[in-house]
Each structure stands twice: as C-alpha cells, then as structure tokens.
N, C-alpha and C. Protein backbone atom coordinates (compact mmCIF):
# COMPACT_ATOMS: atom_id res chain seq x y z
N MET A 1 -5.25 -11.46 -12.92
CA MET A 1 -4.74 -12.63 -12.14
C MET A 1 -5.72 -13.85 -12.62
N ILE A 2 -5.06 -14.91 -12.90
CA ILE A 2 -5.84 -16.19 -13.14
C ILE A 2 -5.59 -17.18 -12.36
N LYS A 3 -6.62 -18.18 -12.13
CA LYS A 3 -6.34 -19.33 -11.39
C LYS A 3 -5.54 -20.48 -12.16
N LEU A 4 -4.80 -21.15 -11.36
CA LEU A 4 -4.04 -22.28 -12.05
C LEU A 4 -4.82 -23.47 -11.98
N GLY A 5 -5.98 -23.46 -12.73
CA GLY A 5 -6.87 -24.51 -12.86
C GLY A 5 -6.81 -25.37 -13.97
N LYS A 6 -7.97 -25.86 -14.44
CA LYS A 6 -7.93 -26.94 -15.47
C LYS A 6 -8.12 -26.29 -16.90
N THR A 7 -8.20 -24.96 -16.82
CA THR A 7 -8.42 -24.25 -18.22
C THR A 7 -7.16 -24.65 -19.03
N ASN A 8 -7.56 -25.07 -20.45
CA ASN A 8 -6.57 -25.35 -21.27
C ASN A 8 -6.15 -24.26 -22.35
N TYR A 9 -4.99 -24.03 -22.60
CA TYR A 9 -4.52 -22.93 -23.58
C TYR A 9 -3.82 -23.72 -24.82
N ALA A 10 -4.16 -23.12 -25.92
CA ALA A 10 -3.42 -23.72 -27.07
C ALA A 10 -2.14 -23.18 -27.21
N THR A 11 -1.06 -24.01 -27.15
CA THR A 11 0.36 -23.67 -27.31
C THR A 11 0.99 -24.29 -28.57
N LYS A 12 2.34 -23.89 -28.76
CA LYS A 12 2.95 -24.67 -29.88
C LYS A 12 3.24 -26.18 -29.51
N HIS A 13 3.15 -26.54 -28.32
CA HIS A 13 3.32 -27.79 -27.87
C HIS A 13 2.11 -28.60 -27.58
N GLY A 14 0.88 -28.04 -28.08
CA GLY A 14 -0.35 -28.79 -27.80
C GLY A 14 -1.07 -27.98 -26.72
N LYS A 15 -2.38 -28.53 -26.19
CA LYS A 15 -3.07 -28.02 -25.24
C LYS A 15 -2.49 -28.34 -23.99
N MET A 16 -2.42 -27.21 -23.12
CA MET A 16 -1.89 -27.41 -21.68
C MET A 16 -2.52 -26.50 -20.79
N ASN A 17 -2.67 -26.78 -19.51
CA ASN A 17 -3.23 -25.91 -18.49
C ASN A 17 -2.04 -25.18 -17.89
N ALA A 18 -2.37 -24.34 -16.99
CA ALA A 18 -1.37 -23.39 -16.43
C ALA A 18 -0.19 -24.20 -15.75
N LYS A 19 -0.46 -25.16 -14.99
CA LYS A 19 0.43 -26.00 -14.22
C LYS A 19 1.33 -26.63 -15.16
N GLN A 20 0.81 -27.19 -16.27
CA GLN A 20 1.58 -27.92 -17.20
C GLN A 20 2.54 -26.95 -18.03
N ILE A 21 1.97 -25.80 -18.21
CA ILE A 21 2.90 -24.74 -18.91
C ILE A 21 3.95 -24.27 -17.98
N ILE A 22 3.84 -24.21 -16.72
CA ILE A 22 4.92 -23.86 -15.90
C ILE A 22 5.95 -24.92 -15.73
N LYS A 23 5.48 -26.22 -15.66
CA LYS A 23 6.44 -27.28 -15.68
C LYS A 23 7.24 -27.35 -16.95
N HIS A 24 6.60 -27.06 -18.06
CA HIS A 24 7.22 -27.06 -19.36
C HIS A 24 8.30 -26.07 -19.35
N LEU A 25 8.00 -24.87 -19.00
CA LEU A 25 8.98 -23.76 -18.90
C LEU A 25 10.14 -23.78 -18.00
N GLN A 26 9.83 -24.52 -16.83
CA GLN A 26 10.95 -24.92 -16.02
C GLN A 26 11.83 -25.89 -16.58
N LYS A 27 11.17 -26.89 -17.24
CA LYS A 27 12.08 -27.99 -17.86
C LYS A 27 12.89 -27.38 -19.09
N GLU A 28 12.31 -26.33 -19.68
CA GLU A 28 13.16 -25.70 -20.80
C GLU A 28 14.06 -24.55 -20.22
N LYS A 29 14.06 -24.43 -18.91
CA LYS A 29 14.84 -23.31 -18.32
C LYS A 29 14.70 -21.93 -18.80
N ALA A 30 13.30 -21.70 -18.97
CA ALA A 30 12.88 -20.45 -19.50
C ALA A 30 12.47 -19.47 -18.37
N CYS A 31 12.66 -19.81 -17.09
CA CYS A 31 12.29 -18.99 -16.01
C CYS A 31 13.45 -18.04 -15.70
N LYS A 32 13.11 -16.89 -15.26
CA LYS A 32 14.13 -15.70 -15.14
C LYS A 32 13.83 -15.19 -13.78
N HIS A 33 14.86 -14.48 -13.21
CA HIS A 33 14.78 -13.83 -11.91
C HIS A 33 14.81 -12.40 -12.06
N ASN A 34 13.90 -11.64 -11.28
CA ASN A 34 13.83 -10.27 -11.33
C ASN A 34 14.21 -9.72 -10.05
N LYS A 35 15.37 -9.08 -10.03
CA LYS A 35 16.01 -8.57 -8.86
C LYS A 35 15.30 -7.51 -8.31
N MET A 36 14.46 -6.63 -8.93
CA MET A 36 13.72 -5.51 -8.48
C MET A 36 12.51 -6.05 -7.63
N LEU A 37 11.75 -7.09 -8.16
CA LEU A 37 10.64 -7.59 -7.39
C LEU A 37 11.08 -8.86 -6.63
N ARG A 38 12.30 -9.24 -6.79
CA ARG A 38 12.61 -10.54 -5.96
C ARG A 38 11.73 -11.67 -6.05
N CYS A 39 11.63 -11.93 -7.50
CA CYS A 39 10.73 -13.19 -7.83
C CYS A 39 11.24 -13.85 -9.06
N THR A 40 10.78 -15.09 -9.25
CA THR A 40 11.10 -15.79 -10.36
C THR A 40 9.91 -15.76 -11.29
N TYR A 41 10.07 -15.59 -12.55
CA TYR A 41 8.95 -15.48 -13.58
C TYR A 41 9.20 -16.09 -14.86
N CYS A 42 8.07 -16.47 -15.66
CA CYS A 42 8.20 -17.04 -16.82
C CYS A 42 7.08 -16.46 -17.70
N THR A 43 7.34 -16.59 -19.01
CA THR A 43 6.21 -16.10 -19.95
C THR A 43 6.00 -16.98 -21.10
N MET A 44 4.69 -17.00 -21.61
CA MET A 44 4.64 -17.85 -22.82
C MET A 44 3.34 -17.10 -23.54
N ASP A 45 3.43 -16.94 -24.78
CA ASP A 45 2.29 -16.51 -25.52
C ASP A 45 1.39 -17.84 -26.04
N VAL A 46 0.12 -17.72 -25.87
CA VAL A 46 -0.74 -18.84 -26.10
C VAL A 46 -2.06 -18.33 -26.72
N LYS A 47 -2.99 -19.14 -26.87
CA LYS A 47 -4.42 -18.74 -27.37
C LYS A 47 -5.35 -19.28 -26.35
N LEU A 48 -6.33 -18.49 -26.20
CA LEU A 48 -7.51 -18.91 -25.30
C LEU A 48 -8.69 -18.65 -26.03
N ASP A 49 -9.46 -19.78 -26.50
CA ASP A 49 -10.69 -19.69 -27.19
C ASP A 49 -10.34 -18.92 -28.56
N GLY A 50 -9.15 -19.00 -29.17
CA GLY A 50 -8.82 -18.51 -30.26
C GLY A 50 -8.25 -17.11 -30.32
N VAL A 51 -8.17 -16.51 -29.03
CA VAL A 51 -7.69 -15.24 -28.83
C VAL A 51 -6.21 -15.29 -28.38
N PRO A 52 -5.29 -14.54 -29.02
CA PRO A 52 -3.91 -14.51 -28.60
C PRO A 52 -3.73 -13.91 -27.43
N VAL A 53 -3.13 -14.29 -26.38
CA VAL A 53 -2.77 -13.82 -25.01
C VAL A 53 -1.48 -14.08 -24.64
N ARG A 54 -1.14 -13.46 -23.69
CA ARG A 54 0.28 -13.67 -23.06
C ARG A 54 0.19 -13.96 -21.69
N LEU A 55 0.68 -15.13 -21.33
CA LEU A 55 0.61 -15.53 -19.73
C LEU A 55 1.89 -15.20 -19.05
N PHE A 56 1.78 -14.79 -17.77
CA PHE A 56 2.97 -14.43 -16.90
C PHE A 56 2.70 -15.35 -15.74
N PHE A 57 3.76 -15.99 -15.41
CA PHE A 57 3.82 -16.64 -14.02
C PHE A 57 4.83 -16.19 -13.14
N CYS A 58 4.66 -16.01 -11.94
CA CYS A 58 5.73 -15.62 -10.99
C CYS A 58 5.61 -16.09 -9.62
N LYS A 59 6.54 -16.33 -8.90
CA LYS A 59 6.56 -16.79 -7.52
C LYS A 59 7.83 -16.32 -6.64
N ARG A 60 7.70 -16.20 -5.50
CA ARG A 60 8.71 -15.64 -4.60
C ARG A 60 9.38 -16.89 -3.78
N GLY A 61 10.57 -17.02 -3.86
CA GLY A 61 11.22 -17.98 -3.01
C GLY A 61 11.05 -19.54 -3.89
N ARG A 62 11.84 -20.35 -3.22
CA ARG A 62 11.87 -21.73 -3.89
C ARG A 62 10.57 -22.32 -3.54
N LYS A 63 10.03 -22.16 -2.42
CA LYS A 63 8.81 -22.94 -1.95
C LYS A 63 7.55 -22.08 -2.13
N GLY A 64 7.59 -20.92 -2.84
CA GLY A 64 6.54 -19.96 -3.00
C GLY A 64 5.64 -20.73 -4.10
N ASN A 65 4.27 -20.10 -3.98
CA ASN A 65 3.38 -20.70 -4.88
C ASN A 65 3.22 -19.72 -6.05
N TRP A 66 2.92 -20.44 -7.18
CA TRP A 66 2.95 -19.64 -8.58
C TRP A 66 1.71 -18.84 -8.58
N ASN A 67 1.71 -17.78 -9.16
CA ASN A 67 0.59 -16.88 -9.47
C ASN A 67 0.70 -16.60 -11.01
N GLY A 68 -0.45 -16.52 -11.62
CA GLY A 68 -0.64 -16.29 -13.01
C GLY A 68 -1.27 -14.90 -13.42
N LEU A 69 -0.64 -14.25 -14.36
CA LEU A 69 -1.43 -13.11 -14.91
C LEU A 69 -1.60 -13.28 -16.57
N LEU A 70 -2.73 -12.80 -17.03
CA LEU A 70 -3.07 -13.07 -18.37
C LEU A 70 -3.37 -11.64 -18.96
N THR A 71 -2.81 -11.29 -20.19
CA THR A 71 -3.15 -10.11 -20.95
C THR A 71 -3.26 -10.37 -22.32
N THR A 72 -4.04 -9.51 -22.93
CA THR A 72 -4.21 -9.56 -24.45
C THR A 72 -3.32 -8.65 -25.13
N ASP A 73 -2.52 -7.84 -24.41
CA ASP A 73 -1.50 -7.01 -24.98
C ASP A 73 -0.18 -7.74 -25.06
N LEU A 74 0.16 -8.21 -26.32
CA LEU A 74 1.37 -9.05 -26.48
C LEU A 74 2.59 -8.23 -26.38
N SER A 75 2.55 -7.02 -26.29
CA SER A 75 3.78 -6.09 -26.28
C SER A 75 4.28 -5.86 -24.76
N LEU A 76 3.40 -6.30 -23.84
CA LEU A 76 3.77 -6.04 -22.41
C LEU A 76 4.86 -6.95 -21.82
N SER A 77 5.88 -6.25 -21.20
CA SER A 77 6.80 -7.10 -20.48
C SER A 77 6.29 -7.63 -19.04
N PHE A 78 6.97 -8.46 -18.48
CA PHE A 78 6.51 -8.92 -17.18
C PHE A 78 6.41 -7.93 -16.18
N LEU A 79 7.49 -6.95 -16.23
CA LEU A 79 7.49 -5.85 -15.15
C LEU A 79 6.45 -4.90 -15.47
N GLU A 80 6.02 -4.55 -16.74
CA GLU A 80 4.96 -3.68 -16.92
C GLU A 80 3.75 -4.21 -16.77
N ALA A 81 3.47 -5.47 -16.89
CA ALA A 81 2.21 -6.20 -16.58
C ALA A 81 2.06 -6.25 -14.98
N TYR A 82 3.16 -6.61 -14.28
CA TYR A 82 3.20 -6.50 -12.87
C TYR A 82 2.65 -5.12 -12.22
N ARG A 83 3.26 -4.22 -12.89
CA ARG A 83 3.05 -2.68 -12.41
C ARG A 83 1.45 -2.32 -12.62
N ILE A 84 1.07 -2.72 -13.66
CA ILE A 84 -0.37 -2.38 -14.01
C ILE A 84 -1.31 -3.15 -13.07
N TYR A 85 -1.04 -4.38 -12.79
CA TYR A 85 -1.78 -5.24 -11.97
C TYR A 85 -1.69 -4.61 -10.46
N ALA A 86 -0.53 -4.27 -10.08
CA ALA A 86 -0.35 -3.67 -8.69
C ALA A 86 -1.29 -2.23 -8.54
N ARG A 87 -1.42 -1.58 -9.64
CA ARG A 87 -2.20 -0.36 -9.64
C ARG A 87 -3.59 -0.76 -9.49
N ARG A 88 -4.05 -1.78 -10.22
CA ARG A 88 -5.35 -2.10 -10.16
C ARG A 88 -5.74 -2.84 -8.81
N TRP A 89 -4.84 -3.52 -8.35
CA TRP A 89 -5.11 -4.07 -6.97
C TRP A 89 -5.19 -3.01 -5.89
N ALA A 90 -4.35 -2.05 -5.93
CA ALA A 90 -4.38 -0.88 -5.03
C ALA A 90 -5.67 -0.27 -5.13
N THR A 91 -6.25 0.00 -6.24
CA THR A 91 -7.52 0.55 -6.42
C THR A 91 -8.75 -0.28 -5.80
N GLU A 92 -8.47 -1.64 -6.10
CA GLU A 92 -9.63 -2.43 -5.40
C GLU A 92 -9.49 -2.46 -4.04
N VAL A 93 -8.35 -2.50 -3.45
CA VAL A 93 -8.28 -2.57 -1.90
C VAL A 93 -8.75 -1.15 -1.27
N ALA A 94 -8.48 0.05 -1.90
CA ALA A 94 -8.82 1.26 -1.54
C ALA A 94 -10.33 1.33 -1.56
N TYR A 95 -10.95 0.89 -2.58
CA TYR A 95 -12.55 0.84 -2.71
C TYR A 95 -13.07 0.08 -1.57
N LYS A 96 -12.58 -1.17 -1.40
CA LYS A 96 -13.09 -2.14 -0.40
C LYS A 96 -12.93 -1.40 0.97
N ASP A 97 -11.73 -0.76 1.31
CA ASP A 97 -11.57 -0.14 2.62
C ASP A 97 -12.59 0.96 2.76
N CYS A 98 -12.71 1.93 1.84
CA CYS A 98 -13.45 2.95 1.90
C CYS A 98 -15.05 2.50 2.04
N LYS A 99 -15.46 1.44 1.38
CA LYS A 99 -16.83 1.02 1.49
C LYS A 99 -17.03 0.27 2.80
N THR A 100 -16.04 -0.61 3.35
CA THR A 100 -16.45 -1.18 4.50
C THR A 100 -16.07 -0.46 5.85
N LEU A 101 -15.19 0.45 5.78
CA LEU A 101 -14.66 1.22 6.88
C LEU A 101 -15.03 2.71 6.92
N LEU A 102 -15.21 3.19 5.89
CA LEU A 102 -15.56 4.69 5.71
C LEU A 102 -16.92 4.92 5.19
N ASN A 103 -17.84 3.92 5.15
CA ASN A 103 -19.14 4.29 4.71
C ASN A 103 -19.33 4.82 3.39
N PHE A 104 -18.33 4.42 2.61
CA PHE A 104 -18.36 5.00 1.11
C PHE A 104 -19.69 4.52 0.35
N GLY A 105 -20.51 5.39 -0.17
CA GLY A 105 -21.61 5.03 -0.97
C GLY A 105 -22.87 4.81 -0.14
N LYS A 106 -22.72 4.93 1.13
CA LYS A 106 -23.90 4.75 2.02
C LYS A 106 -24.68 6.00 2.33
N CYS A 107 -24.43 7.10 1.69
CA CYS A 107 -25.15 8.33 1.78
C CYS A 107 -26.69 8.11 1.29
N GLN A 108 -27.68 8.53 2.22
CA GLN A 108 -29.01 8.17 1.69
C GLN A 108 -29.69 9.41 1.27
N SER A 109 -28.98 10.39 1.06
CA SER A 109 -29.58 11.58 0.52
C SER A 109 -29.93 11.53 -0.92
N VAL A 110 -31.13 12.16 -1.26
CA VAL A 110 -31.57 12.10 -2.62
C VAL A 110 -31.06 13.21 -3.52
N HIS A 111 -30.24 14.08 -3.01
CA HIS A 111 -29.75 15.33 -3.59
C HIS A 111 -28.17 15.09 -4.12
N PHE A 112 -28.03 15.41 -5.42
CA PHE A 112 -26.79 15.00 -6.01
C PHE A 112 -25.62 15.53 -5.37
N ALA A 113 -25.79 16.96 -4.90
CA ALA A 113 -24.69 17.65 -4.21
C ALA A 113 -24.28 16.94 -2.86
N ALA A 114 -25.24 16.39 -2.11
CA ALA A 114 -25.05 15.64 -0.89
C ALA A 114 -24.23 14.48 -1.24
N GLN A 115 -24.57 13.75 -2.30
CA GLN A 115 -23.70 12.58 -2.65
C GLN A 115 -22.28 12.95 -3.05
N ILE A 116 -22.09 13.93 -3.88
CA ILE A 116 -20.75 14.37 -4.12
C ILE A 116 -20.02 14.71 -2.87
N ALA A 117 -20.72 15.47 -2.09
CA ALA A 117 -19.98 15.80 -0.77
C ALA A 117 -19.69 14.59 0.19
N SER A 118 -20.49 13.61 0.10
CA SER A 118 -20.10 12.46 0.89
C SER A 118 -19.03 11.76 0.20
N PHE A 119 -18.96 11.62 -1.13
CA PHE A 119 -17.80 10.96 -1.68
C PHE A 119 -16.47 11.65 -1.53
N THR A 120 -16.65 12.96 -1.58
CA THR A 120 -15.45 13.73 -1.29
C THR A 120 -14.88 13.68 0.11
N LEU A 121 -15.74 13.69 1.07
CA LEU A 121 -15.27 13.58 2.46
C LEU A 121 -14.69 12.23 2.76
N THR A 122 -15.20 11.28 2.10
CA THR A 122 -14.74 9.79 2.16
C THR A 122 -13.35 9.78 1.73
N MET A 123 -13.16 10.45 0.46
CA MET A 123 -11.80 10.47 -0.08
C MET A 123 -10.75 11.15 0.73
N MET A 124 -11.27 12.25 1.29
CA MET A 124 -10.44 13.11 2.03
C MET A 124 -9.87 12.22 3.38
N GLN A 125 -10.78 11.64 3.95
CA GLN A 125 -10.54 10.69 4.99
C GLN A 125 -9.45 9.68 4.83
N TYR A 126 -9.70 9.03 3.64
CA TYR A 126 -8.85 7.92 3.16
C TYR A 126 -7.41 8.54 2.91
N ASN A 127 -7.35 9.61 2.17
CA ASN A 127 -5.96 10.18 2.00
C ASN A 127 -5.35 10.69 3.16
N ILE A 128 -6.02 11.19 4.19
CA ILE A 128 -5.31 11.61 5.44
C ILE A 128 -4.80 10.23 6.16
N LEU A 129 -5.67 9.23 6.24
CA LEU A 129 -5.20 8.07 6.89
C LEU A 129 -4.08 7.35 6.17
N CYS A 130 -4.07 7.36 4.86
CA CYS A 130 -2.86 7.01 4.20
C CYS A 130 -1.58 7.75 4.42
N THR A 131 -1.71 9.09 4.64
CA THR A 131 -0.69 9.94 4.86
C THR A 131 -0.13 9.72 6.15
N VAL A 132 -0.98 9.53 7.11
CA VAL A 132 -0.55 9.07 8.59
C VAL A 132 0.07 7.73 8.51
N LYS A 133 -0.48 6.73 7.65
CA LYS A 133 0.22 5.42 7.63
C LYS A 133 1.59 5.67 7.03
N ARG A 134 1.90 6.45 6.13
CA ARG A 134 3.15 6.54 5.48
C ARG A 134 4.29 7.00 6.51
N PHE A 135 3.72 7.85 7.48
CA PHE A 135 4.59 8.51 8.44
C PHE A 135 5.06 7.29 9.46
N GLU A 136 4.13 6.30 9.57
CA GLU A 136 4.37 5.18 10.64
C GLU A 136 4.77 3.91 9.97
N ALA A 137 5.07 3.96 8.70
CA ALA A 137 5.31 2.67 8.00
C ALA A 137 6.30 1.82 8.44
N TYR A 138 7.23 2.44 9.31
CA TYR A 138 8.39 1.53 9.63
C TYR A 138 8.04 0.49 10.66
N GLU A 139 6.81 0.64 11.20
CA GLU A 139 6.25 -0.55 11.99
C GLU A 139 4.78 -0.89 11.49
N THR A 140 4.68 -2.20 11.08
CA THR A 140 3.46 -2.60 10.55
C THR A 140 2.57 -2.89 11.65
N ILE A 141 1.29 -2.66 11.49
CA ILE A 141 0.22 -3.00 12.60
C ILE A 141 -0.88 -3.84 11.86
N GLY A 142 -0.64 -4.38 10.67
CA GLY A 142 -1.63 -5.28 10.24
C GLY A 142 -2.73 -4.79 9.33
N GLY A 143 -2.77 -3.37 9.26
CA GLY A 143 -3.95 -2.94 8.52
C GLY A 143 -3.95 -1.43 8.69
N LEU A 144 -4.48 -0.80 7.42
CA LEU A 144 -4.47 0.59 7.32
C LEU A 144 -5.30 1.33 8.32
N PHE A 145 -6.39 0.67 8.88
CA PHE A 145 -7.36 1.39 9.70
C PHE A 145 -7.25 0.82 11.10
N ALA A 146 -6.27 -0.01 11.37
CA ALA A 146 -6.34 -0.74 12.83
C ALA A 146 -6.10 0.41 13.79
N GLU A 147 -5.54 1.49 13.54
CA GLU A 147 -5.19 2.50 14.53
C GLU A 147 -6.36 3.18 14.87
N VAL A 148 -7.33 3.28 13.93
CA VAL A 148 -8.58 4.12 13.97
C VAL A 148 -9.61 3.22 14.68
N THR A 149 -9.78 1.98 14.23
CA THR A 149 -10.85 1.17 14.81
C THR A 149 -10.59 0.56 16.20
N ASN A 150 -9.36 0.44 16.42
CA ASN A 150 -9.03 -0.34 17.81
C ASN A 150 -8.21 0.45 18.66
N ASP A 151 -7.87 1.81 18.33
CA ASP A 151 -7.13 2.71 19.29
C ASP A 151 -5.84 2.09 19.59
N THR A 152 -5.09 1.49 18.62
CA THR A 152 -3.84 0.75 19.08
C THR A 152 -2.69 1.33 18.29
N LEU A 153 -2.72 2.67 18.19
CA LEU A 153 -1.48 3.44 17.61
C LEU A 153 -0.26 3.10 18.23
N GLU A 154 0.81 2.64 17.58
CA GLU A 154 2.14 2.40 18.21
C GLU A 154 2.88 3.71 18.13
N LEU A 155 3.99 3.85 18.93
CA LEU A 155 4.74 5.13 18.92
C LEU A 155 5.55 5.06 17.55
N SER A 156 5.42 6.24 16.88
CA SER A 156 6.21 6.36 15.74
C SER A 156 7.65 6.92 16.01
N VAL A 157 8.33 7.09 15.07
CA VAL A 157 9.63 7.70 15.17
C VAL A 157 9.60 9.22 15.48
N THR A 158 8.52 9.73 14.90
CA THR A 158 8.17 11.17 15.28
C THR A 158 7.77 11.25 16.78
N ASP A 159 6.97 10.44 17.37
CA ASP A 159 6.67 10.49 18.78
C ASP A 159 7.82 10.36 19.65
N LYS A 160 8.71 9.36 19.34
CA LYS A 160 9.88 9.14 20.16
C LYS A 160 10.79 10.24 20.21
N ILE A 161 11.05 10.82 18.92
CA ILE A 161 12.13 11.90 18.89
C ILE A 161 11.44 13.15 19.64
N TRP A 162 10.14 13.27 19.40
CA TRP A 162 9.48 14.41 20.04
C TRP A 162 9.43 14.36 21.49
N ALA A 163 9.29 13.21 22.08
CA ALA A 163 9.40 12.95 23.44
C ALA A 163 10.78 13.27 24.13
N ILE A 164 11.74 12.95 23.32
CA ILE A 164 13.16 13.31 23.79
C ILE A 164 13.37 14.81 23.78
N ILE A 165 12.96 15.36 22.72
CA ILE A 165 13.01 16.88 22.72
C ILE A 165 12.45 17.50 23.92
N LEU A 166 11.18 17.12 24.10
CA LEU A 166 10.45 17.82 25.23
C LEU A 166 11.06 17.46 26.56
N ASP A 167 11.45 16.31 26.85
CA ASP A 167 12.13 16.02 28.02
C ASP A 167 13.43 16.92 28.16
N PHE A 168 14.18 16.99 27.23
CA PHE A 168 15.34 17.87 27.16
C PHE A 168 15.05 19.32 27.53
N VAL A 169 13.93 19.86 26.90
CA VAL A 169 13.69 21.25 27.00
C VAL A 169 13.16 21.50 28.56
N LEU A 170 12.22 20.42 29.03
CA LEU A 170 11.71 20.71 30.41
C LEU A 170 12.97 20.66 31.35
N GLU A 171 13.91 19.67 31.13
CA GLU A 171 14.98 19.51 32.04
C GLU A 171 15.72 20.92 32.11
N ALA A 172 16.13 21.42 30.83
CA ALA A 172 16.87 22.70 30.67
C ALA A 172 16.25 23.73 31.32
N ALA A 173 14.87 24.00 31.03
CA ALA A 173 14.15 25.03 31.66
C ALA A 173 13.99 24.93 33.17
N GLU A 174 13.97 23.81 33.74
CA GLU A 174 13.98 23.65 35.11
C GLU A 174 15.32 24.03 35.73
N ARG A 175 16.42 23.55 35.23
CA ARG A 175 17.77 23.71 35.64
C ARG A 175 18.19 25.29 35.64
N TYR A 176 17.71 25.92 34.46
CA TYR A 176 18.13 27.23 34.39
C TYR A 176 17.03 28.27 34.66
N SER A 177 15.97 27.93 35.13
CA SER A 177 14.89 28.70 35.55
C SER A 177 14.34 29.68 34.38
N ILE A 178 14.06 28.89 33.19
CA ILE A 178 13.72 29.48 31.99
C ILE A 178 12.19 28.99 31.72
N ASP A 179 11.24 29.79 31.18
CA ASP A 179 10.08 29.47 30.94
C ASP A 179 10.13 28.24 29.72
N ALA A 180 9.50 27.11 29.94
CA ALA A 180 9.63 25.92 29.00
C ALA A 180 8.93 26.31 27.86
N THR A 181 7.88 27.06 27.78
CA THR A 181 7.15 27.24 26.68
C THR A 181 8.05 28.18 25.65
N GLU A 182 8.60 29.19 26.21
CA GLU A 182 9.31 30.05 25.48
C GLU A 182 10.56 29.37 24.95
N LEU A 183 11.17 28.70 25.70
CA LEU A 183 12.40 27.78 25.38
C LEU A 183 12.08 26.91 24.13
N LEU A 184 10.85 26.16 24.21
CA LEU A 184 10.57 25.24 23.25
C LEU A 184 10.18 26.06 21.89
N ALA A 185 9.58 27.17 22.08
CA ALA A 185 9.16 27.95 20.84
C ALA A 185 10.46 28.56 20.18
N ASP A 186 11.36 29.05 20.91
CA ASP A 186 12.66 29.54 20.45
C ASP A 186 13.43 28.31 19.70
N PHE A 187 13.45 27.12 20.29
CA PHE A 187 14.16 26.08 19.71
C PHE A 187 13.62 25.61 18.44
N ILE A 188 12.26 25.73 18.40
CA ILE A 188 11.50 25.22 17.07
C ILE A 188 11.89 26.18 15.92
N GLU A 189 11.78 27.58 16.23
CA GLU A 189 11.81 28.49 15.35
C GLU A 189 13.31 28.65 14.68
N SER A 190 14.25 28.22 15.51
CA SER A 190 15.64 28.38 15.08
C SER A 190 16.14 27.03 14.49
N ASN A 191 15.35 25.92 14.41
CA ASN A 191 15.73 24.64 14.12
C ASN A 191 14.59 24.13 13.04
N PRO A 192 15.09 24.00 11.75
CA PRO A 192 14.02 23.57 10.78
C PRO A 192 13.66 22.26 10.92
N VAL A 193 14.58 21.32 11.47
CA VAL A 193 14.25 19.86 11.63
C VAL A 193 13.29 19.86 12.76
N ALA A 194 13.37 20.42 13.92
CA ALA A 194 12.47 20.48 15.03
C ALA A 194 11.07 21.09 14.51
N HIS A 195 11.11 21.99 13.67
CA HIS A 195 9.97 22.66 13.14
C HIS A 195 9.11 21.54 12.36
N THR A 196 9.81 20.74 11.51
CA THR A 196 9.14 19.74 10.74
C THR A 196 8.58 18.63 11.66
N LEU A 197 9.42 18.25 12.64
CA LEU A 197 9.05 17.12 13.57
C LEU A 197 7.77 17.50 14.30
N ARG A 198 7.72 18.96 14.76
CA ARG A 198 6.45 19.39 15.44
C ARG A 198 5.20 19.37 14.55
N ASN A 199 5.39 19.83 13.23
CA ASN A 199 4.32 19.64 12.32
C ASN A 199 3.77 18.24 12.11
N MET A 200 4.63 17.37 11.95
CA MET A 200 4.35 16.00 11.73
C MET A 200 3.48 15.44 12.94
N TYR A 201 4.06 15.77 14.18
CA TYR A 201 3.53 15.41 15.35
C TYR A 201 1.94 15.80 15.44
N ILE A 202 1.76 17.16 15.11
CA ILE A 202 0.51 17.86 15.12
C ILE A 202 -0.52 17.05 14.27
N TYR A 203 0.09 16.99 12.99
CA TYR A 203 -0.77 16.42 12.00
C TYR A 203 -1.30 14.97 12.41
N LYS A 204 -0.47 14.24 13.11
CA LYS A 204 -0.89 12.84 13.46
C LYS A 204 -1.94 13.00 14.61
N LEU A 205 -1.60 13.91 15.67
CA LEU A 205 -2.67 14.11 16.76
C LEU A 205 -3.96 14.44 16.13
N ALA A 206 -3.95 15.32 15.19
CA ALA A 206 -5.32 15.85 14.51
C ALA A 206 -6.03 14.71 13.88
N SER A 207 -5.16 13.73 13.15
CA SER A 207 -5.88 12.62 12.68
C SER A 207 -6.45 11.61 13.70
N ARG A 208 -5.84 11.47 14.74
CA ARG A 208 -6.46 10.63 15.96
C ARG A 208 -7.75 11.19 16.40
N TYR A 209 -7.81 12.40 16.64
CA TYR A 209 -9.04 13.16 17.19
C TYR A 209 -10.18 13.04 16.21
N LEU A 210 -9.70 13.38 14.87
CA LEU A 210 -10.56 13.46 13.77
C LEU A 210 -11.40 12.27 13.61
N PHE A 211 -10.67 11.13 13.58
CA PHE A 211 -11.45 9.82 13.29
C PHE A 211 -11.69 8.88 14.33
N THR A 212 -11.65 9.36 15.67
CA THR A 212 -12.00 8.55 16.76
C THR A 212 -13.33 8.99 17.37
C-alpha cells in the first residue's frame, strides 16, 4: 500500500505523483471495473528512483477514495496483486489481535519449550475464535474478539434453530408423557442435521466458557 502523497514517479508523460497519474488515467479512460471485487481500478508501469515498478489504483463507488498498491513484479495483474495484499493484511491483523488481546509474545519464561508452548496455545485460541466467528458471521459485531471481551455474544442461527428444537421436544414430551432427554437423544441420533446443529452448539458453548 502506498500513500497518495507528493512522491514523484517517472512516467512516459514526465514526472507525476500518484494523484496526477490517476487523473491522467481517468482522462485517458484507462480505468476498468472489476465485478468480482466491485471496484474501479487502473494500472501504470513507472520508475521509482530508477527502479521499474507497477502501480495499481483502486476505489469502490463513485465517491470512494483511491488507494494505491506498488509492486516490483511487473507480471502481476491487479487481481493477483490485490489477493497478495489481502493475505498480507490478514496476517498483520492476526498478529496484532494475538499480541494485544491474547498476550502473544508476553511469556516471561526463559525456557525455549515454554515459549513454544505459549505461542502454540495462542495460535490455538485464535483459530478457535476464528472458527466460532465463522459460524456467526451472518451478523457482524464489530470485531473478532468483542464476544470474548465484552460478553456480548449475539444469538446465532444455530442458537435460534436449537432453541426451536428444544421447545418442540419439551412440548411433545409433556403432551405424550415421554422422557424429554430420551426423546431428544433419539431425535438427534436419527437426524443428521440435528446432530450437526447439536455439535455446533456445543462447540460454541465450549468456546464461551474457555475464553471468559
């Protein structure tokens, strides 16, 4: 990622900064639309301090702000460069979350094995939290760890469906004088979907108690 500042790049049309390059490409109608990423982008090969580089500029919406990417690999397309940057950004975010919220790197032991164990436990916690978040991704709560730090877990699809199943089983057990536990166990064993929902519900409850 580059800043759209006053840095000048050597182009075929003379020295220009990032904003001037964008205006030139817009004037030349060189901007394209990527349906997959839902953004407008443009590309230009330039030189920075004598080094050949490729600049990518992209924005979303007509009033969106332009963002710039720079690469020394002149064979990369916009989509390839975007994917590489997305992976790098995800890694940086994961490192920051682990360091600030899961005490990554704060083990004070002088033993190498203890340091490795601390790193491993942090990565396990992060992976479990990411898995839980994937199950609940249909409703955003503004952050990966908000449910852990603020105890503000929203009801997920699993919660809602499981609650309906439990209500139905309890009502049927009461009406027909059947043991609710046995009825629920039989329903889960005979229904693969119910079995999957039960497991998802248990995993989420386990993550709540593990990290609170």
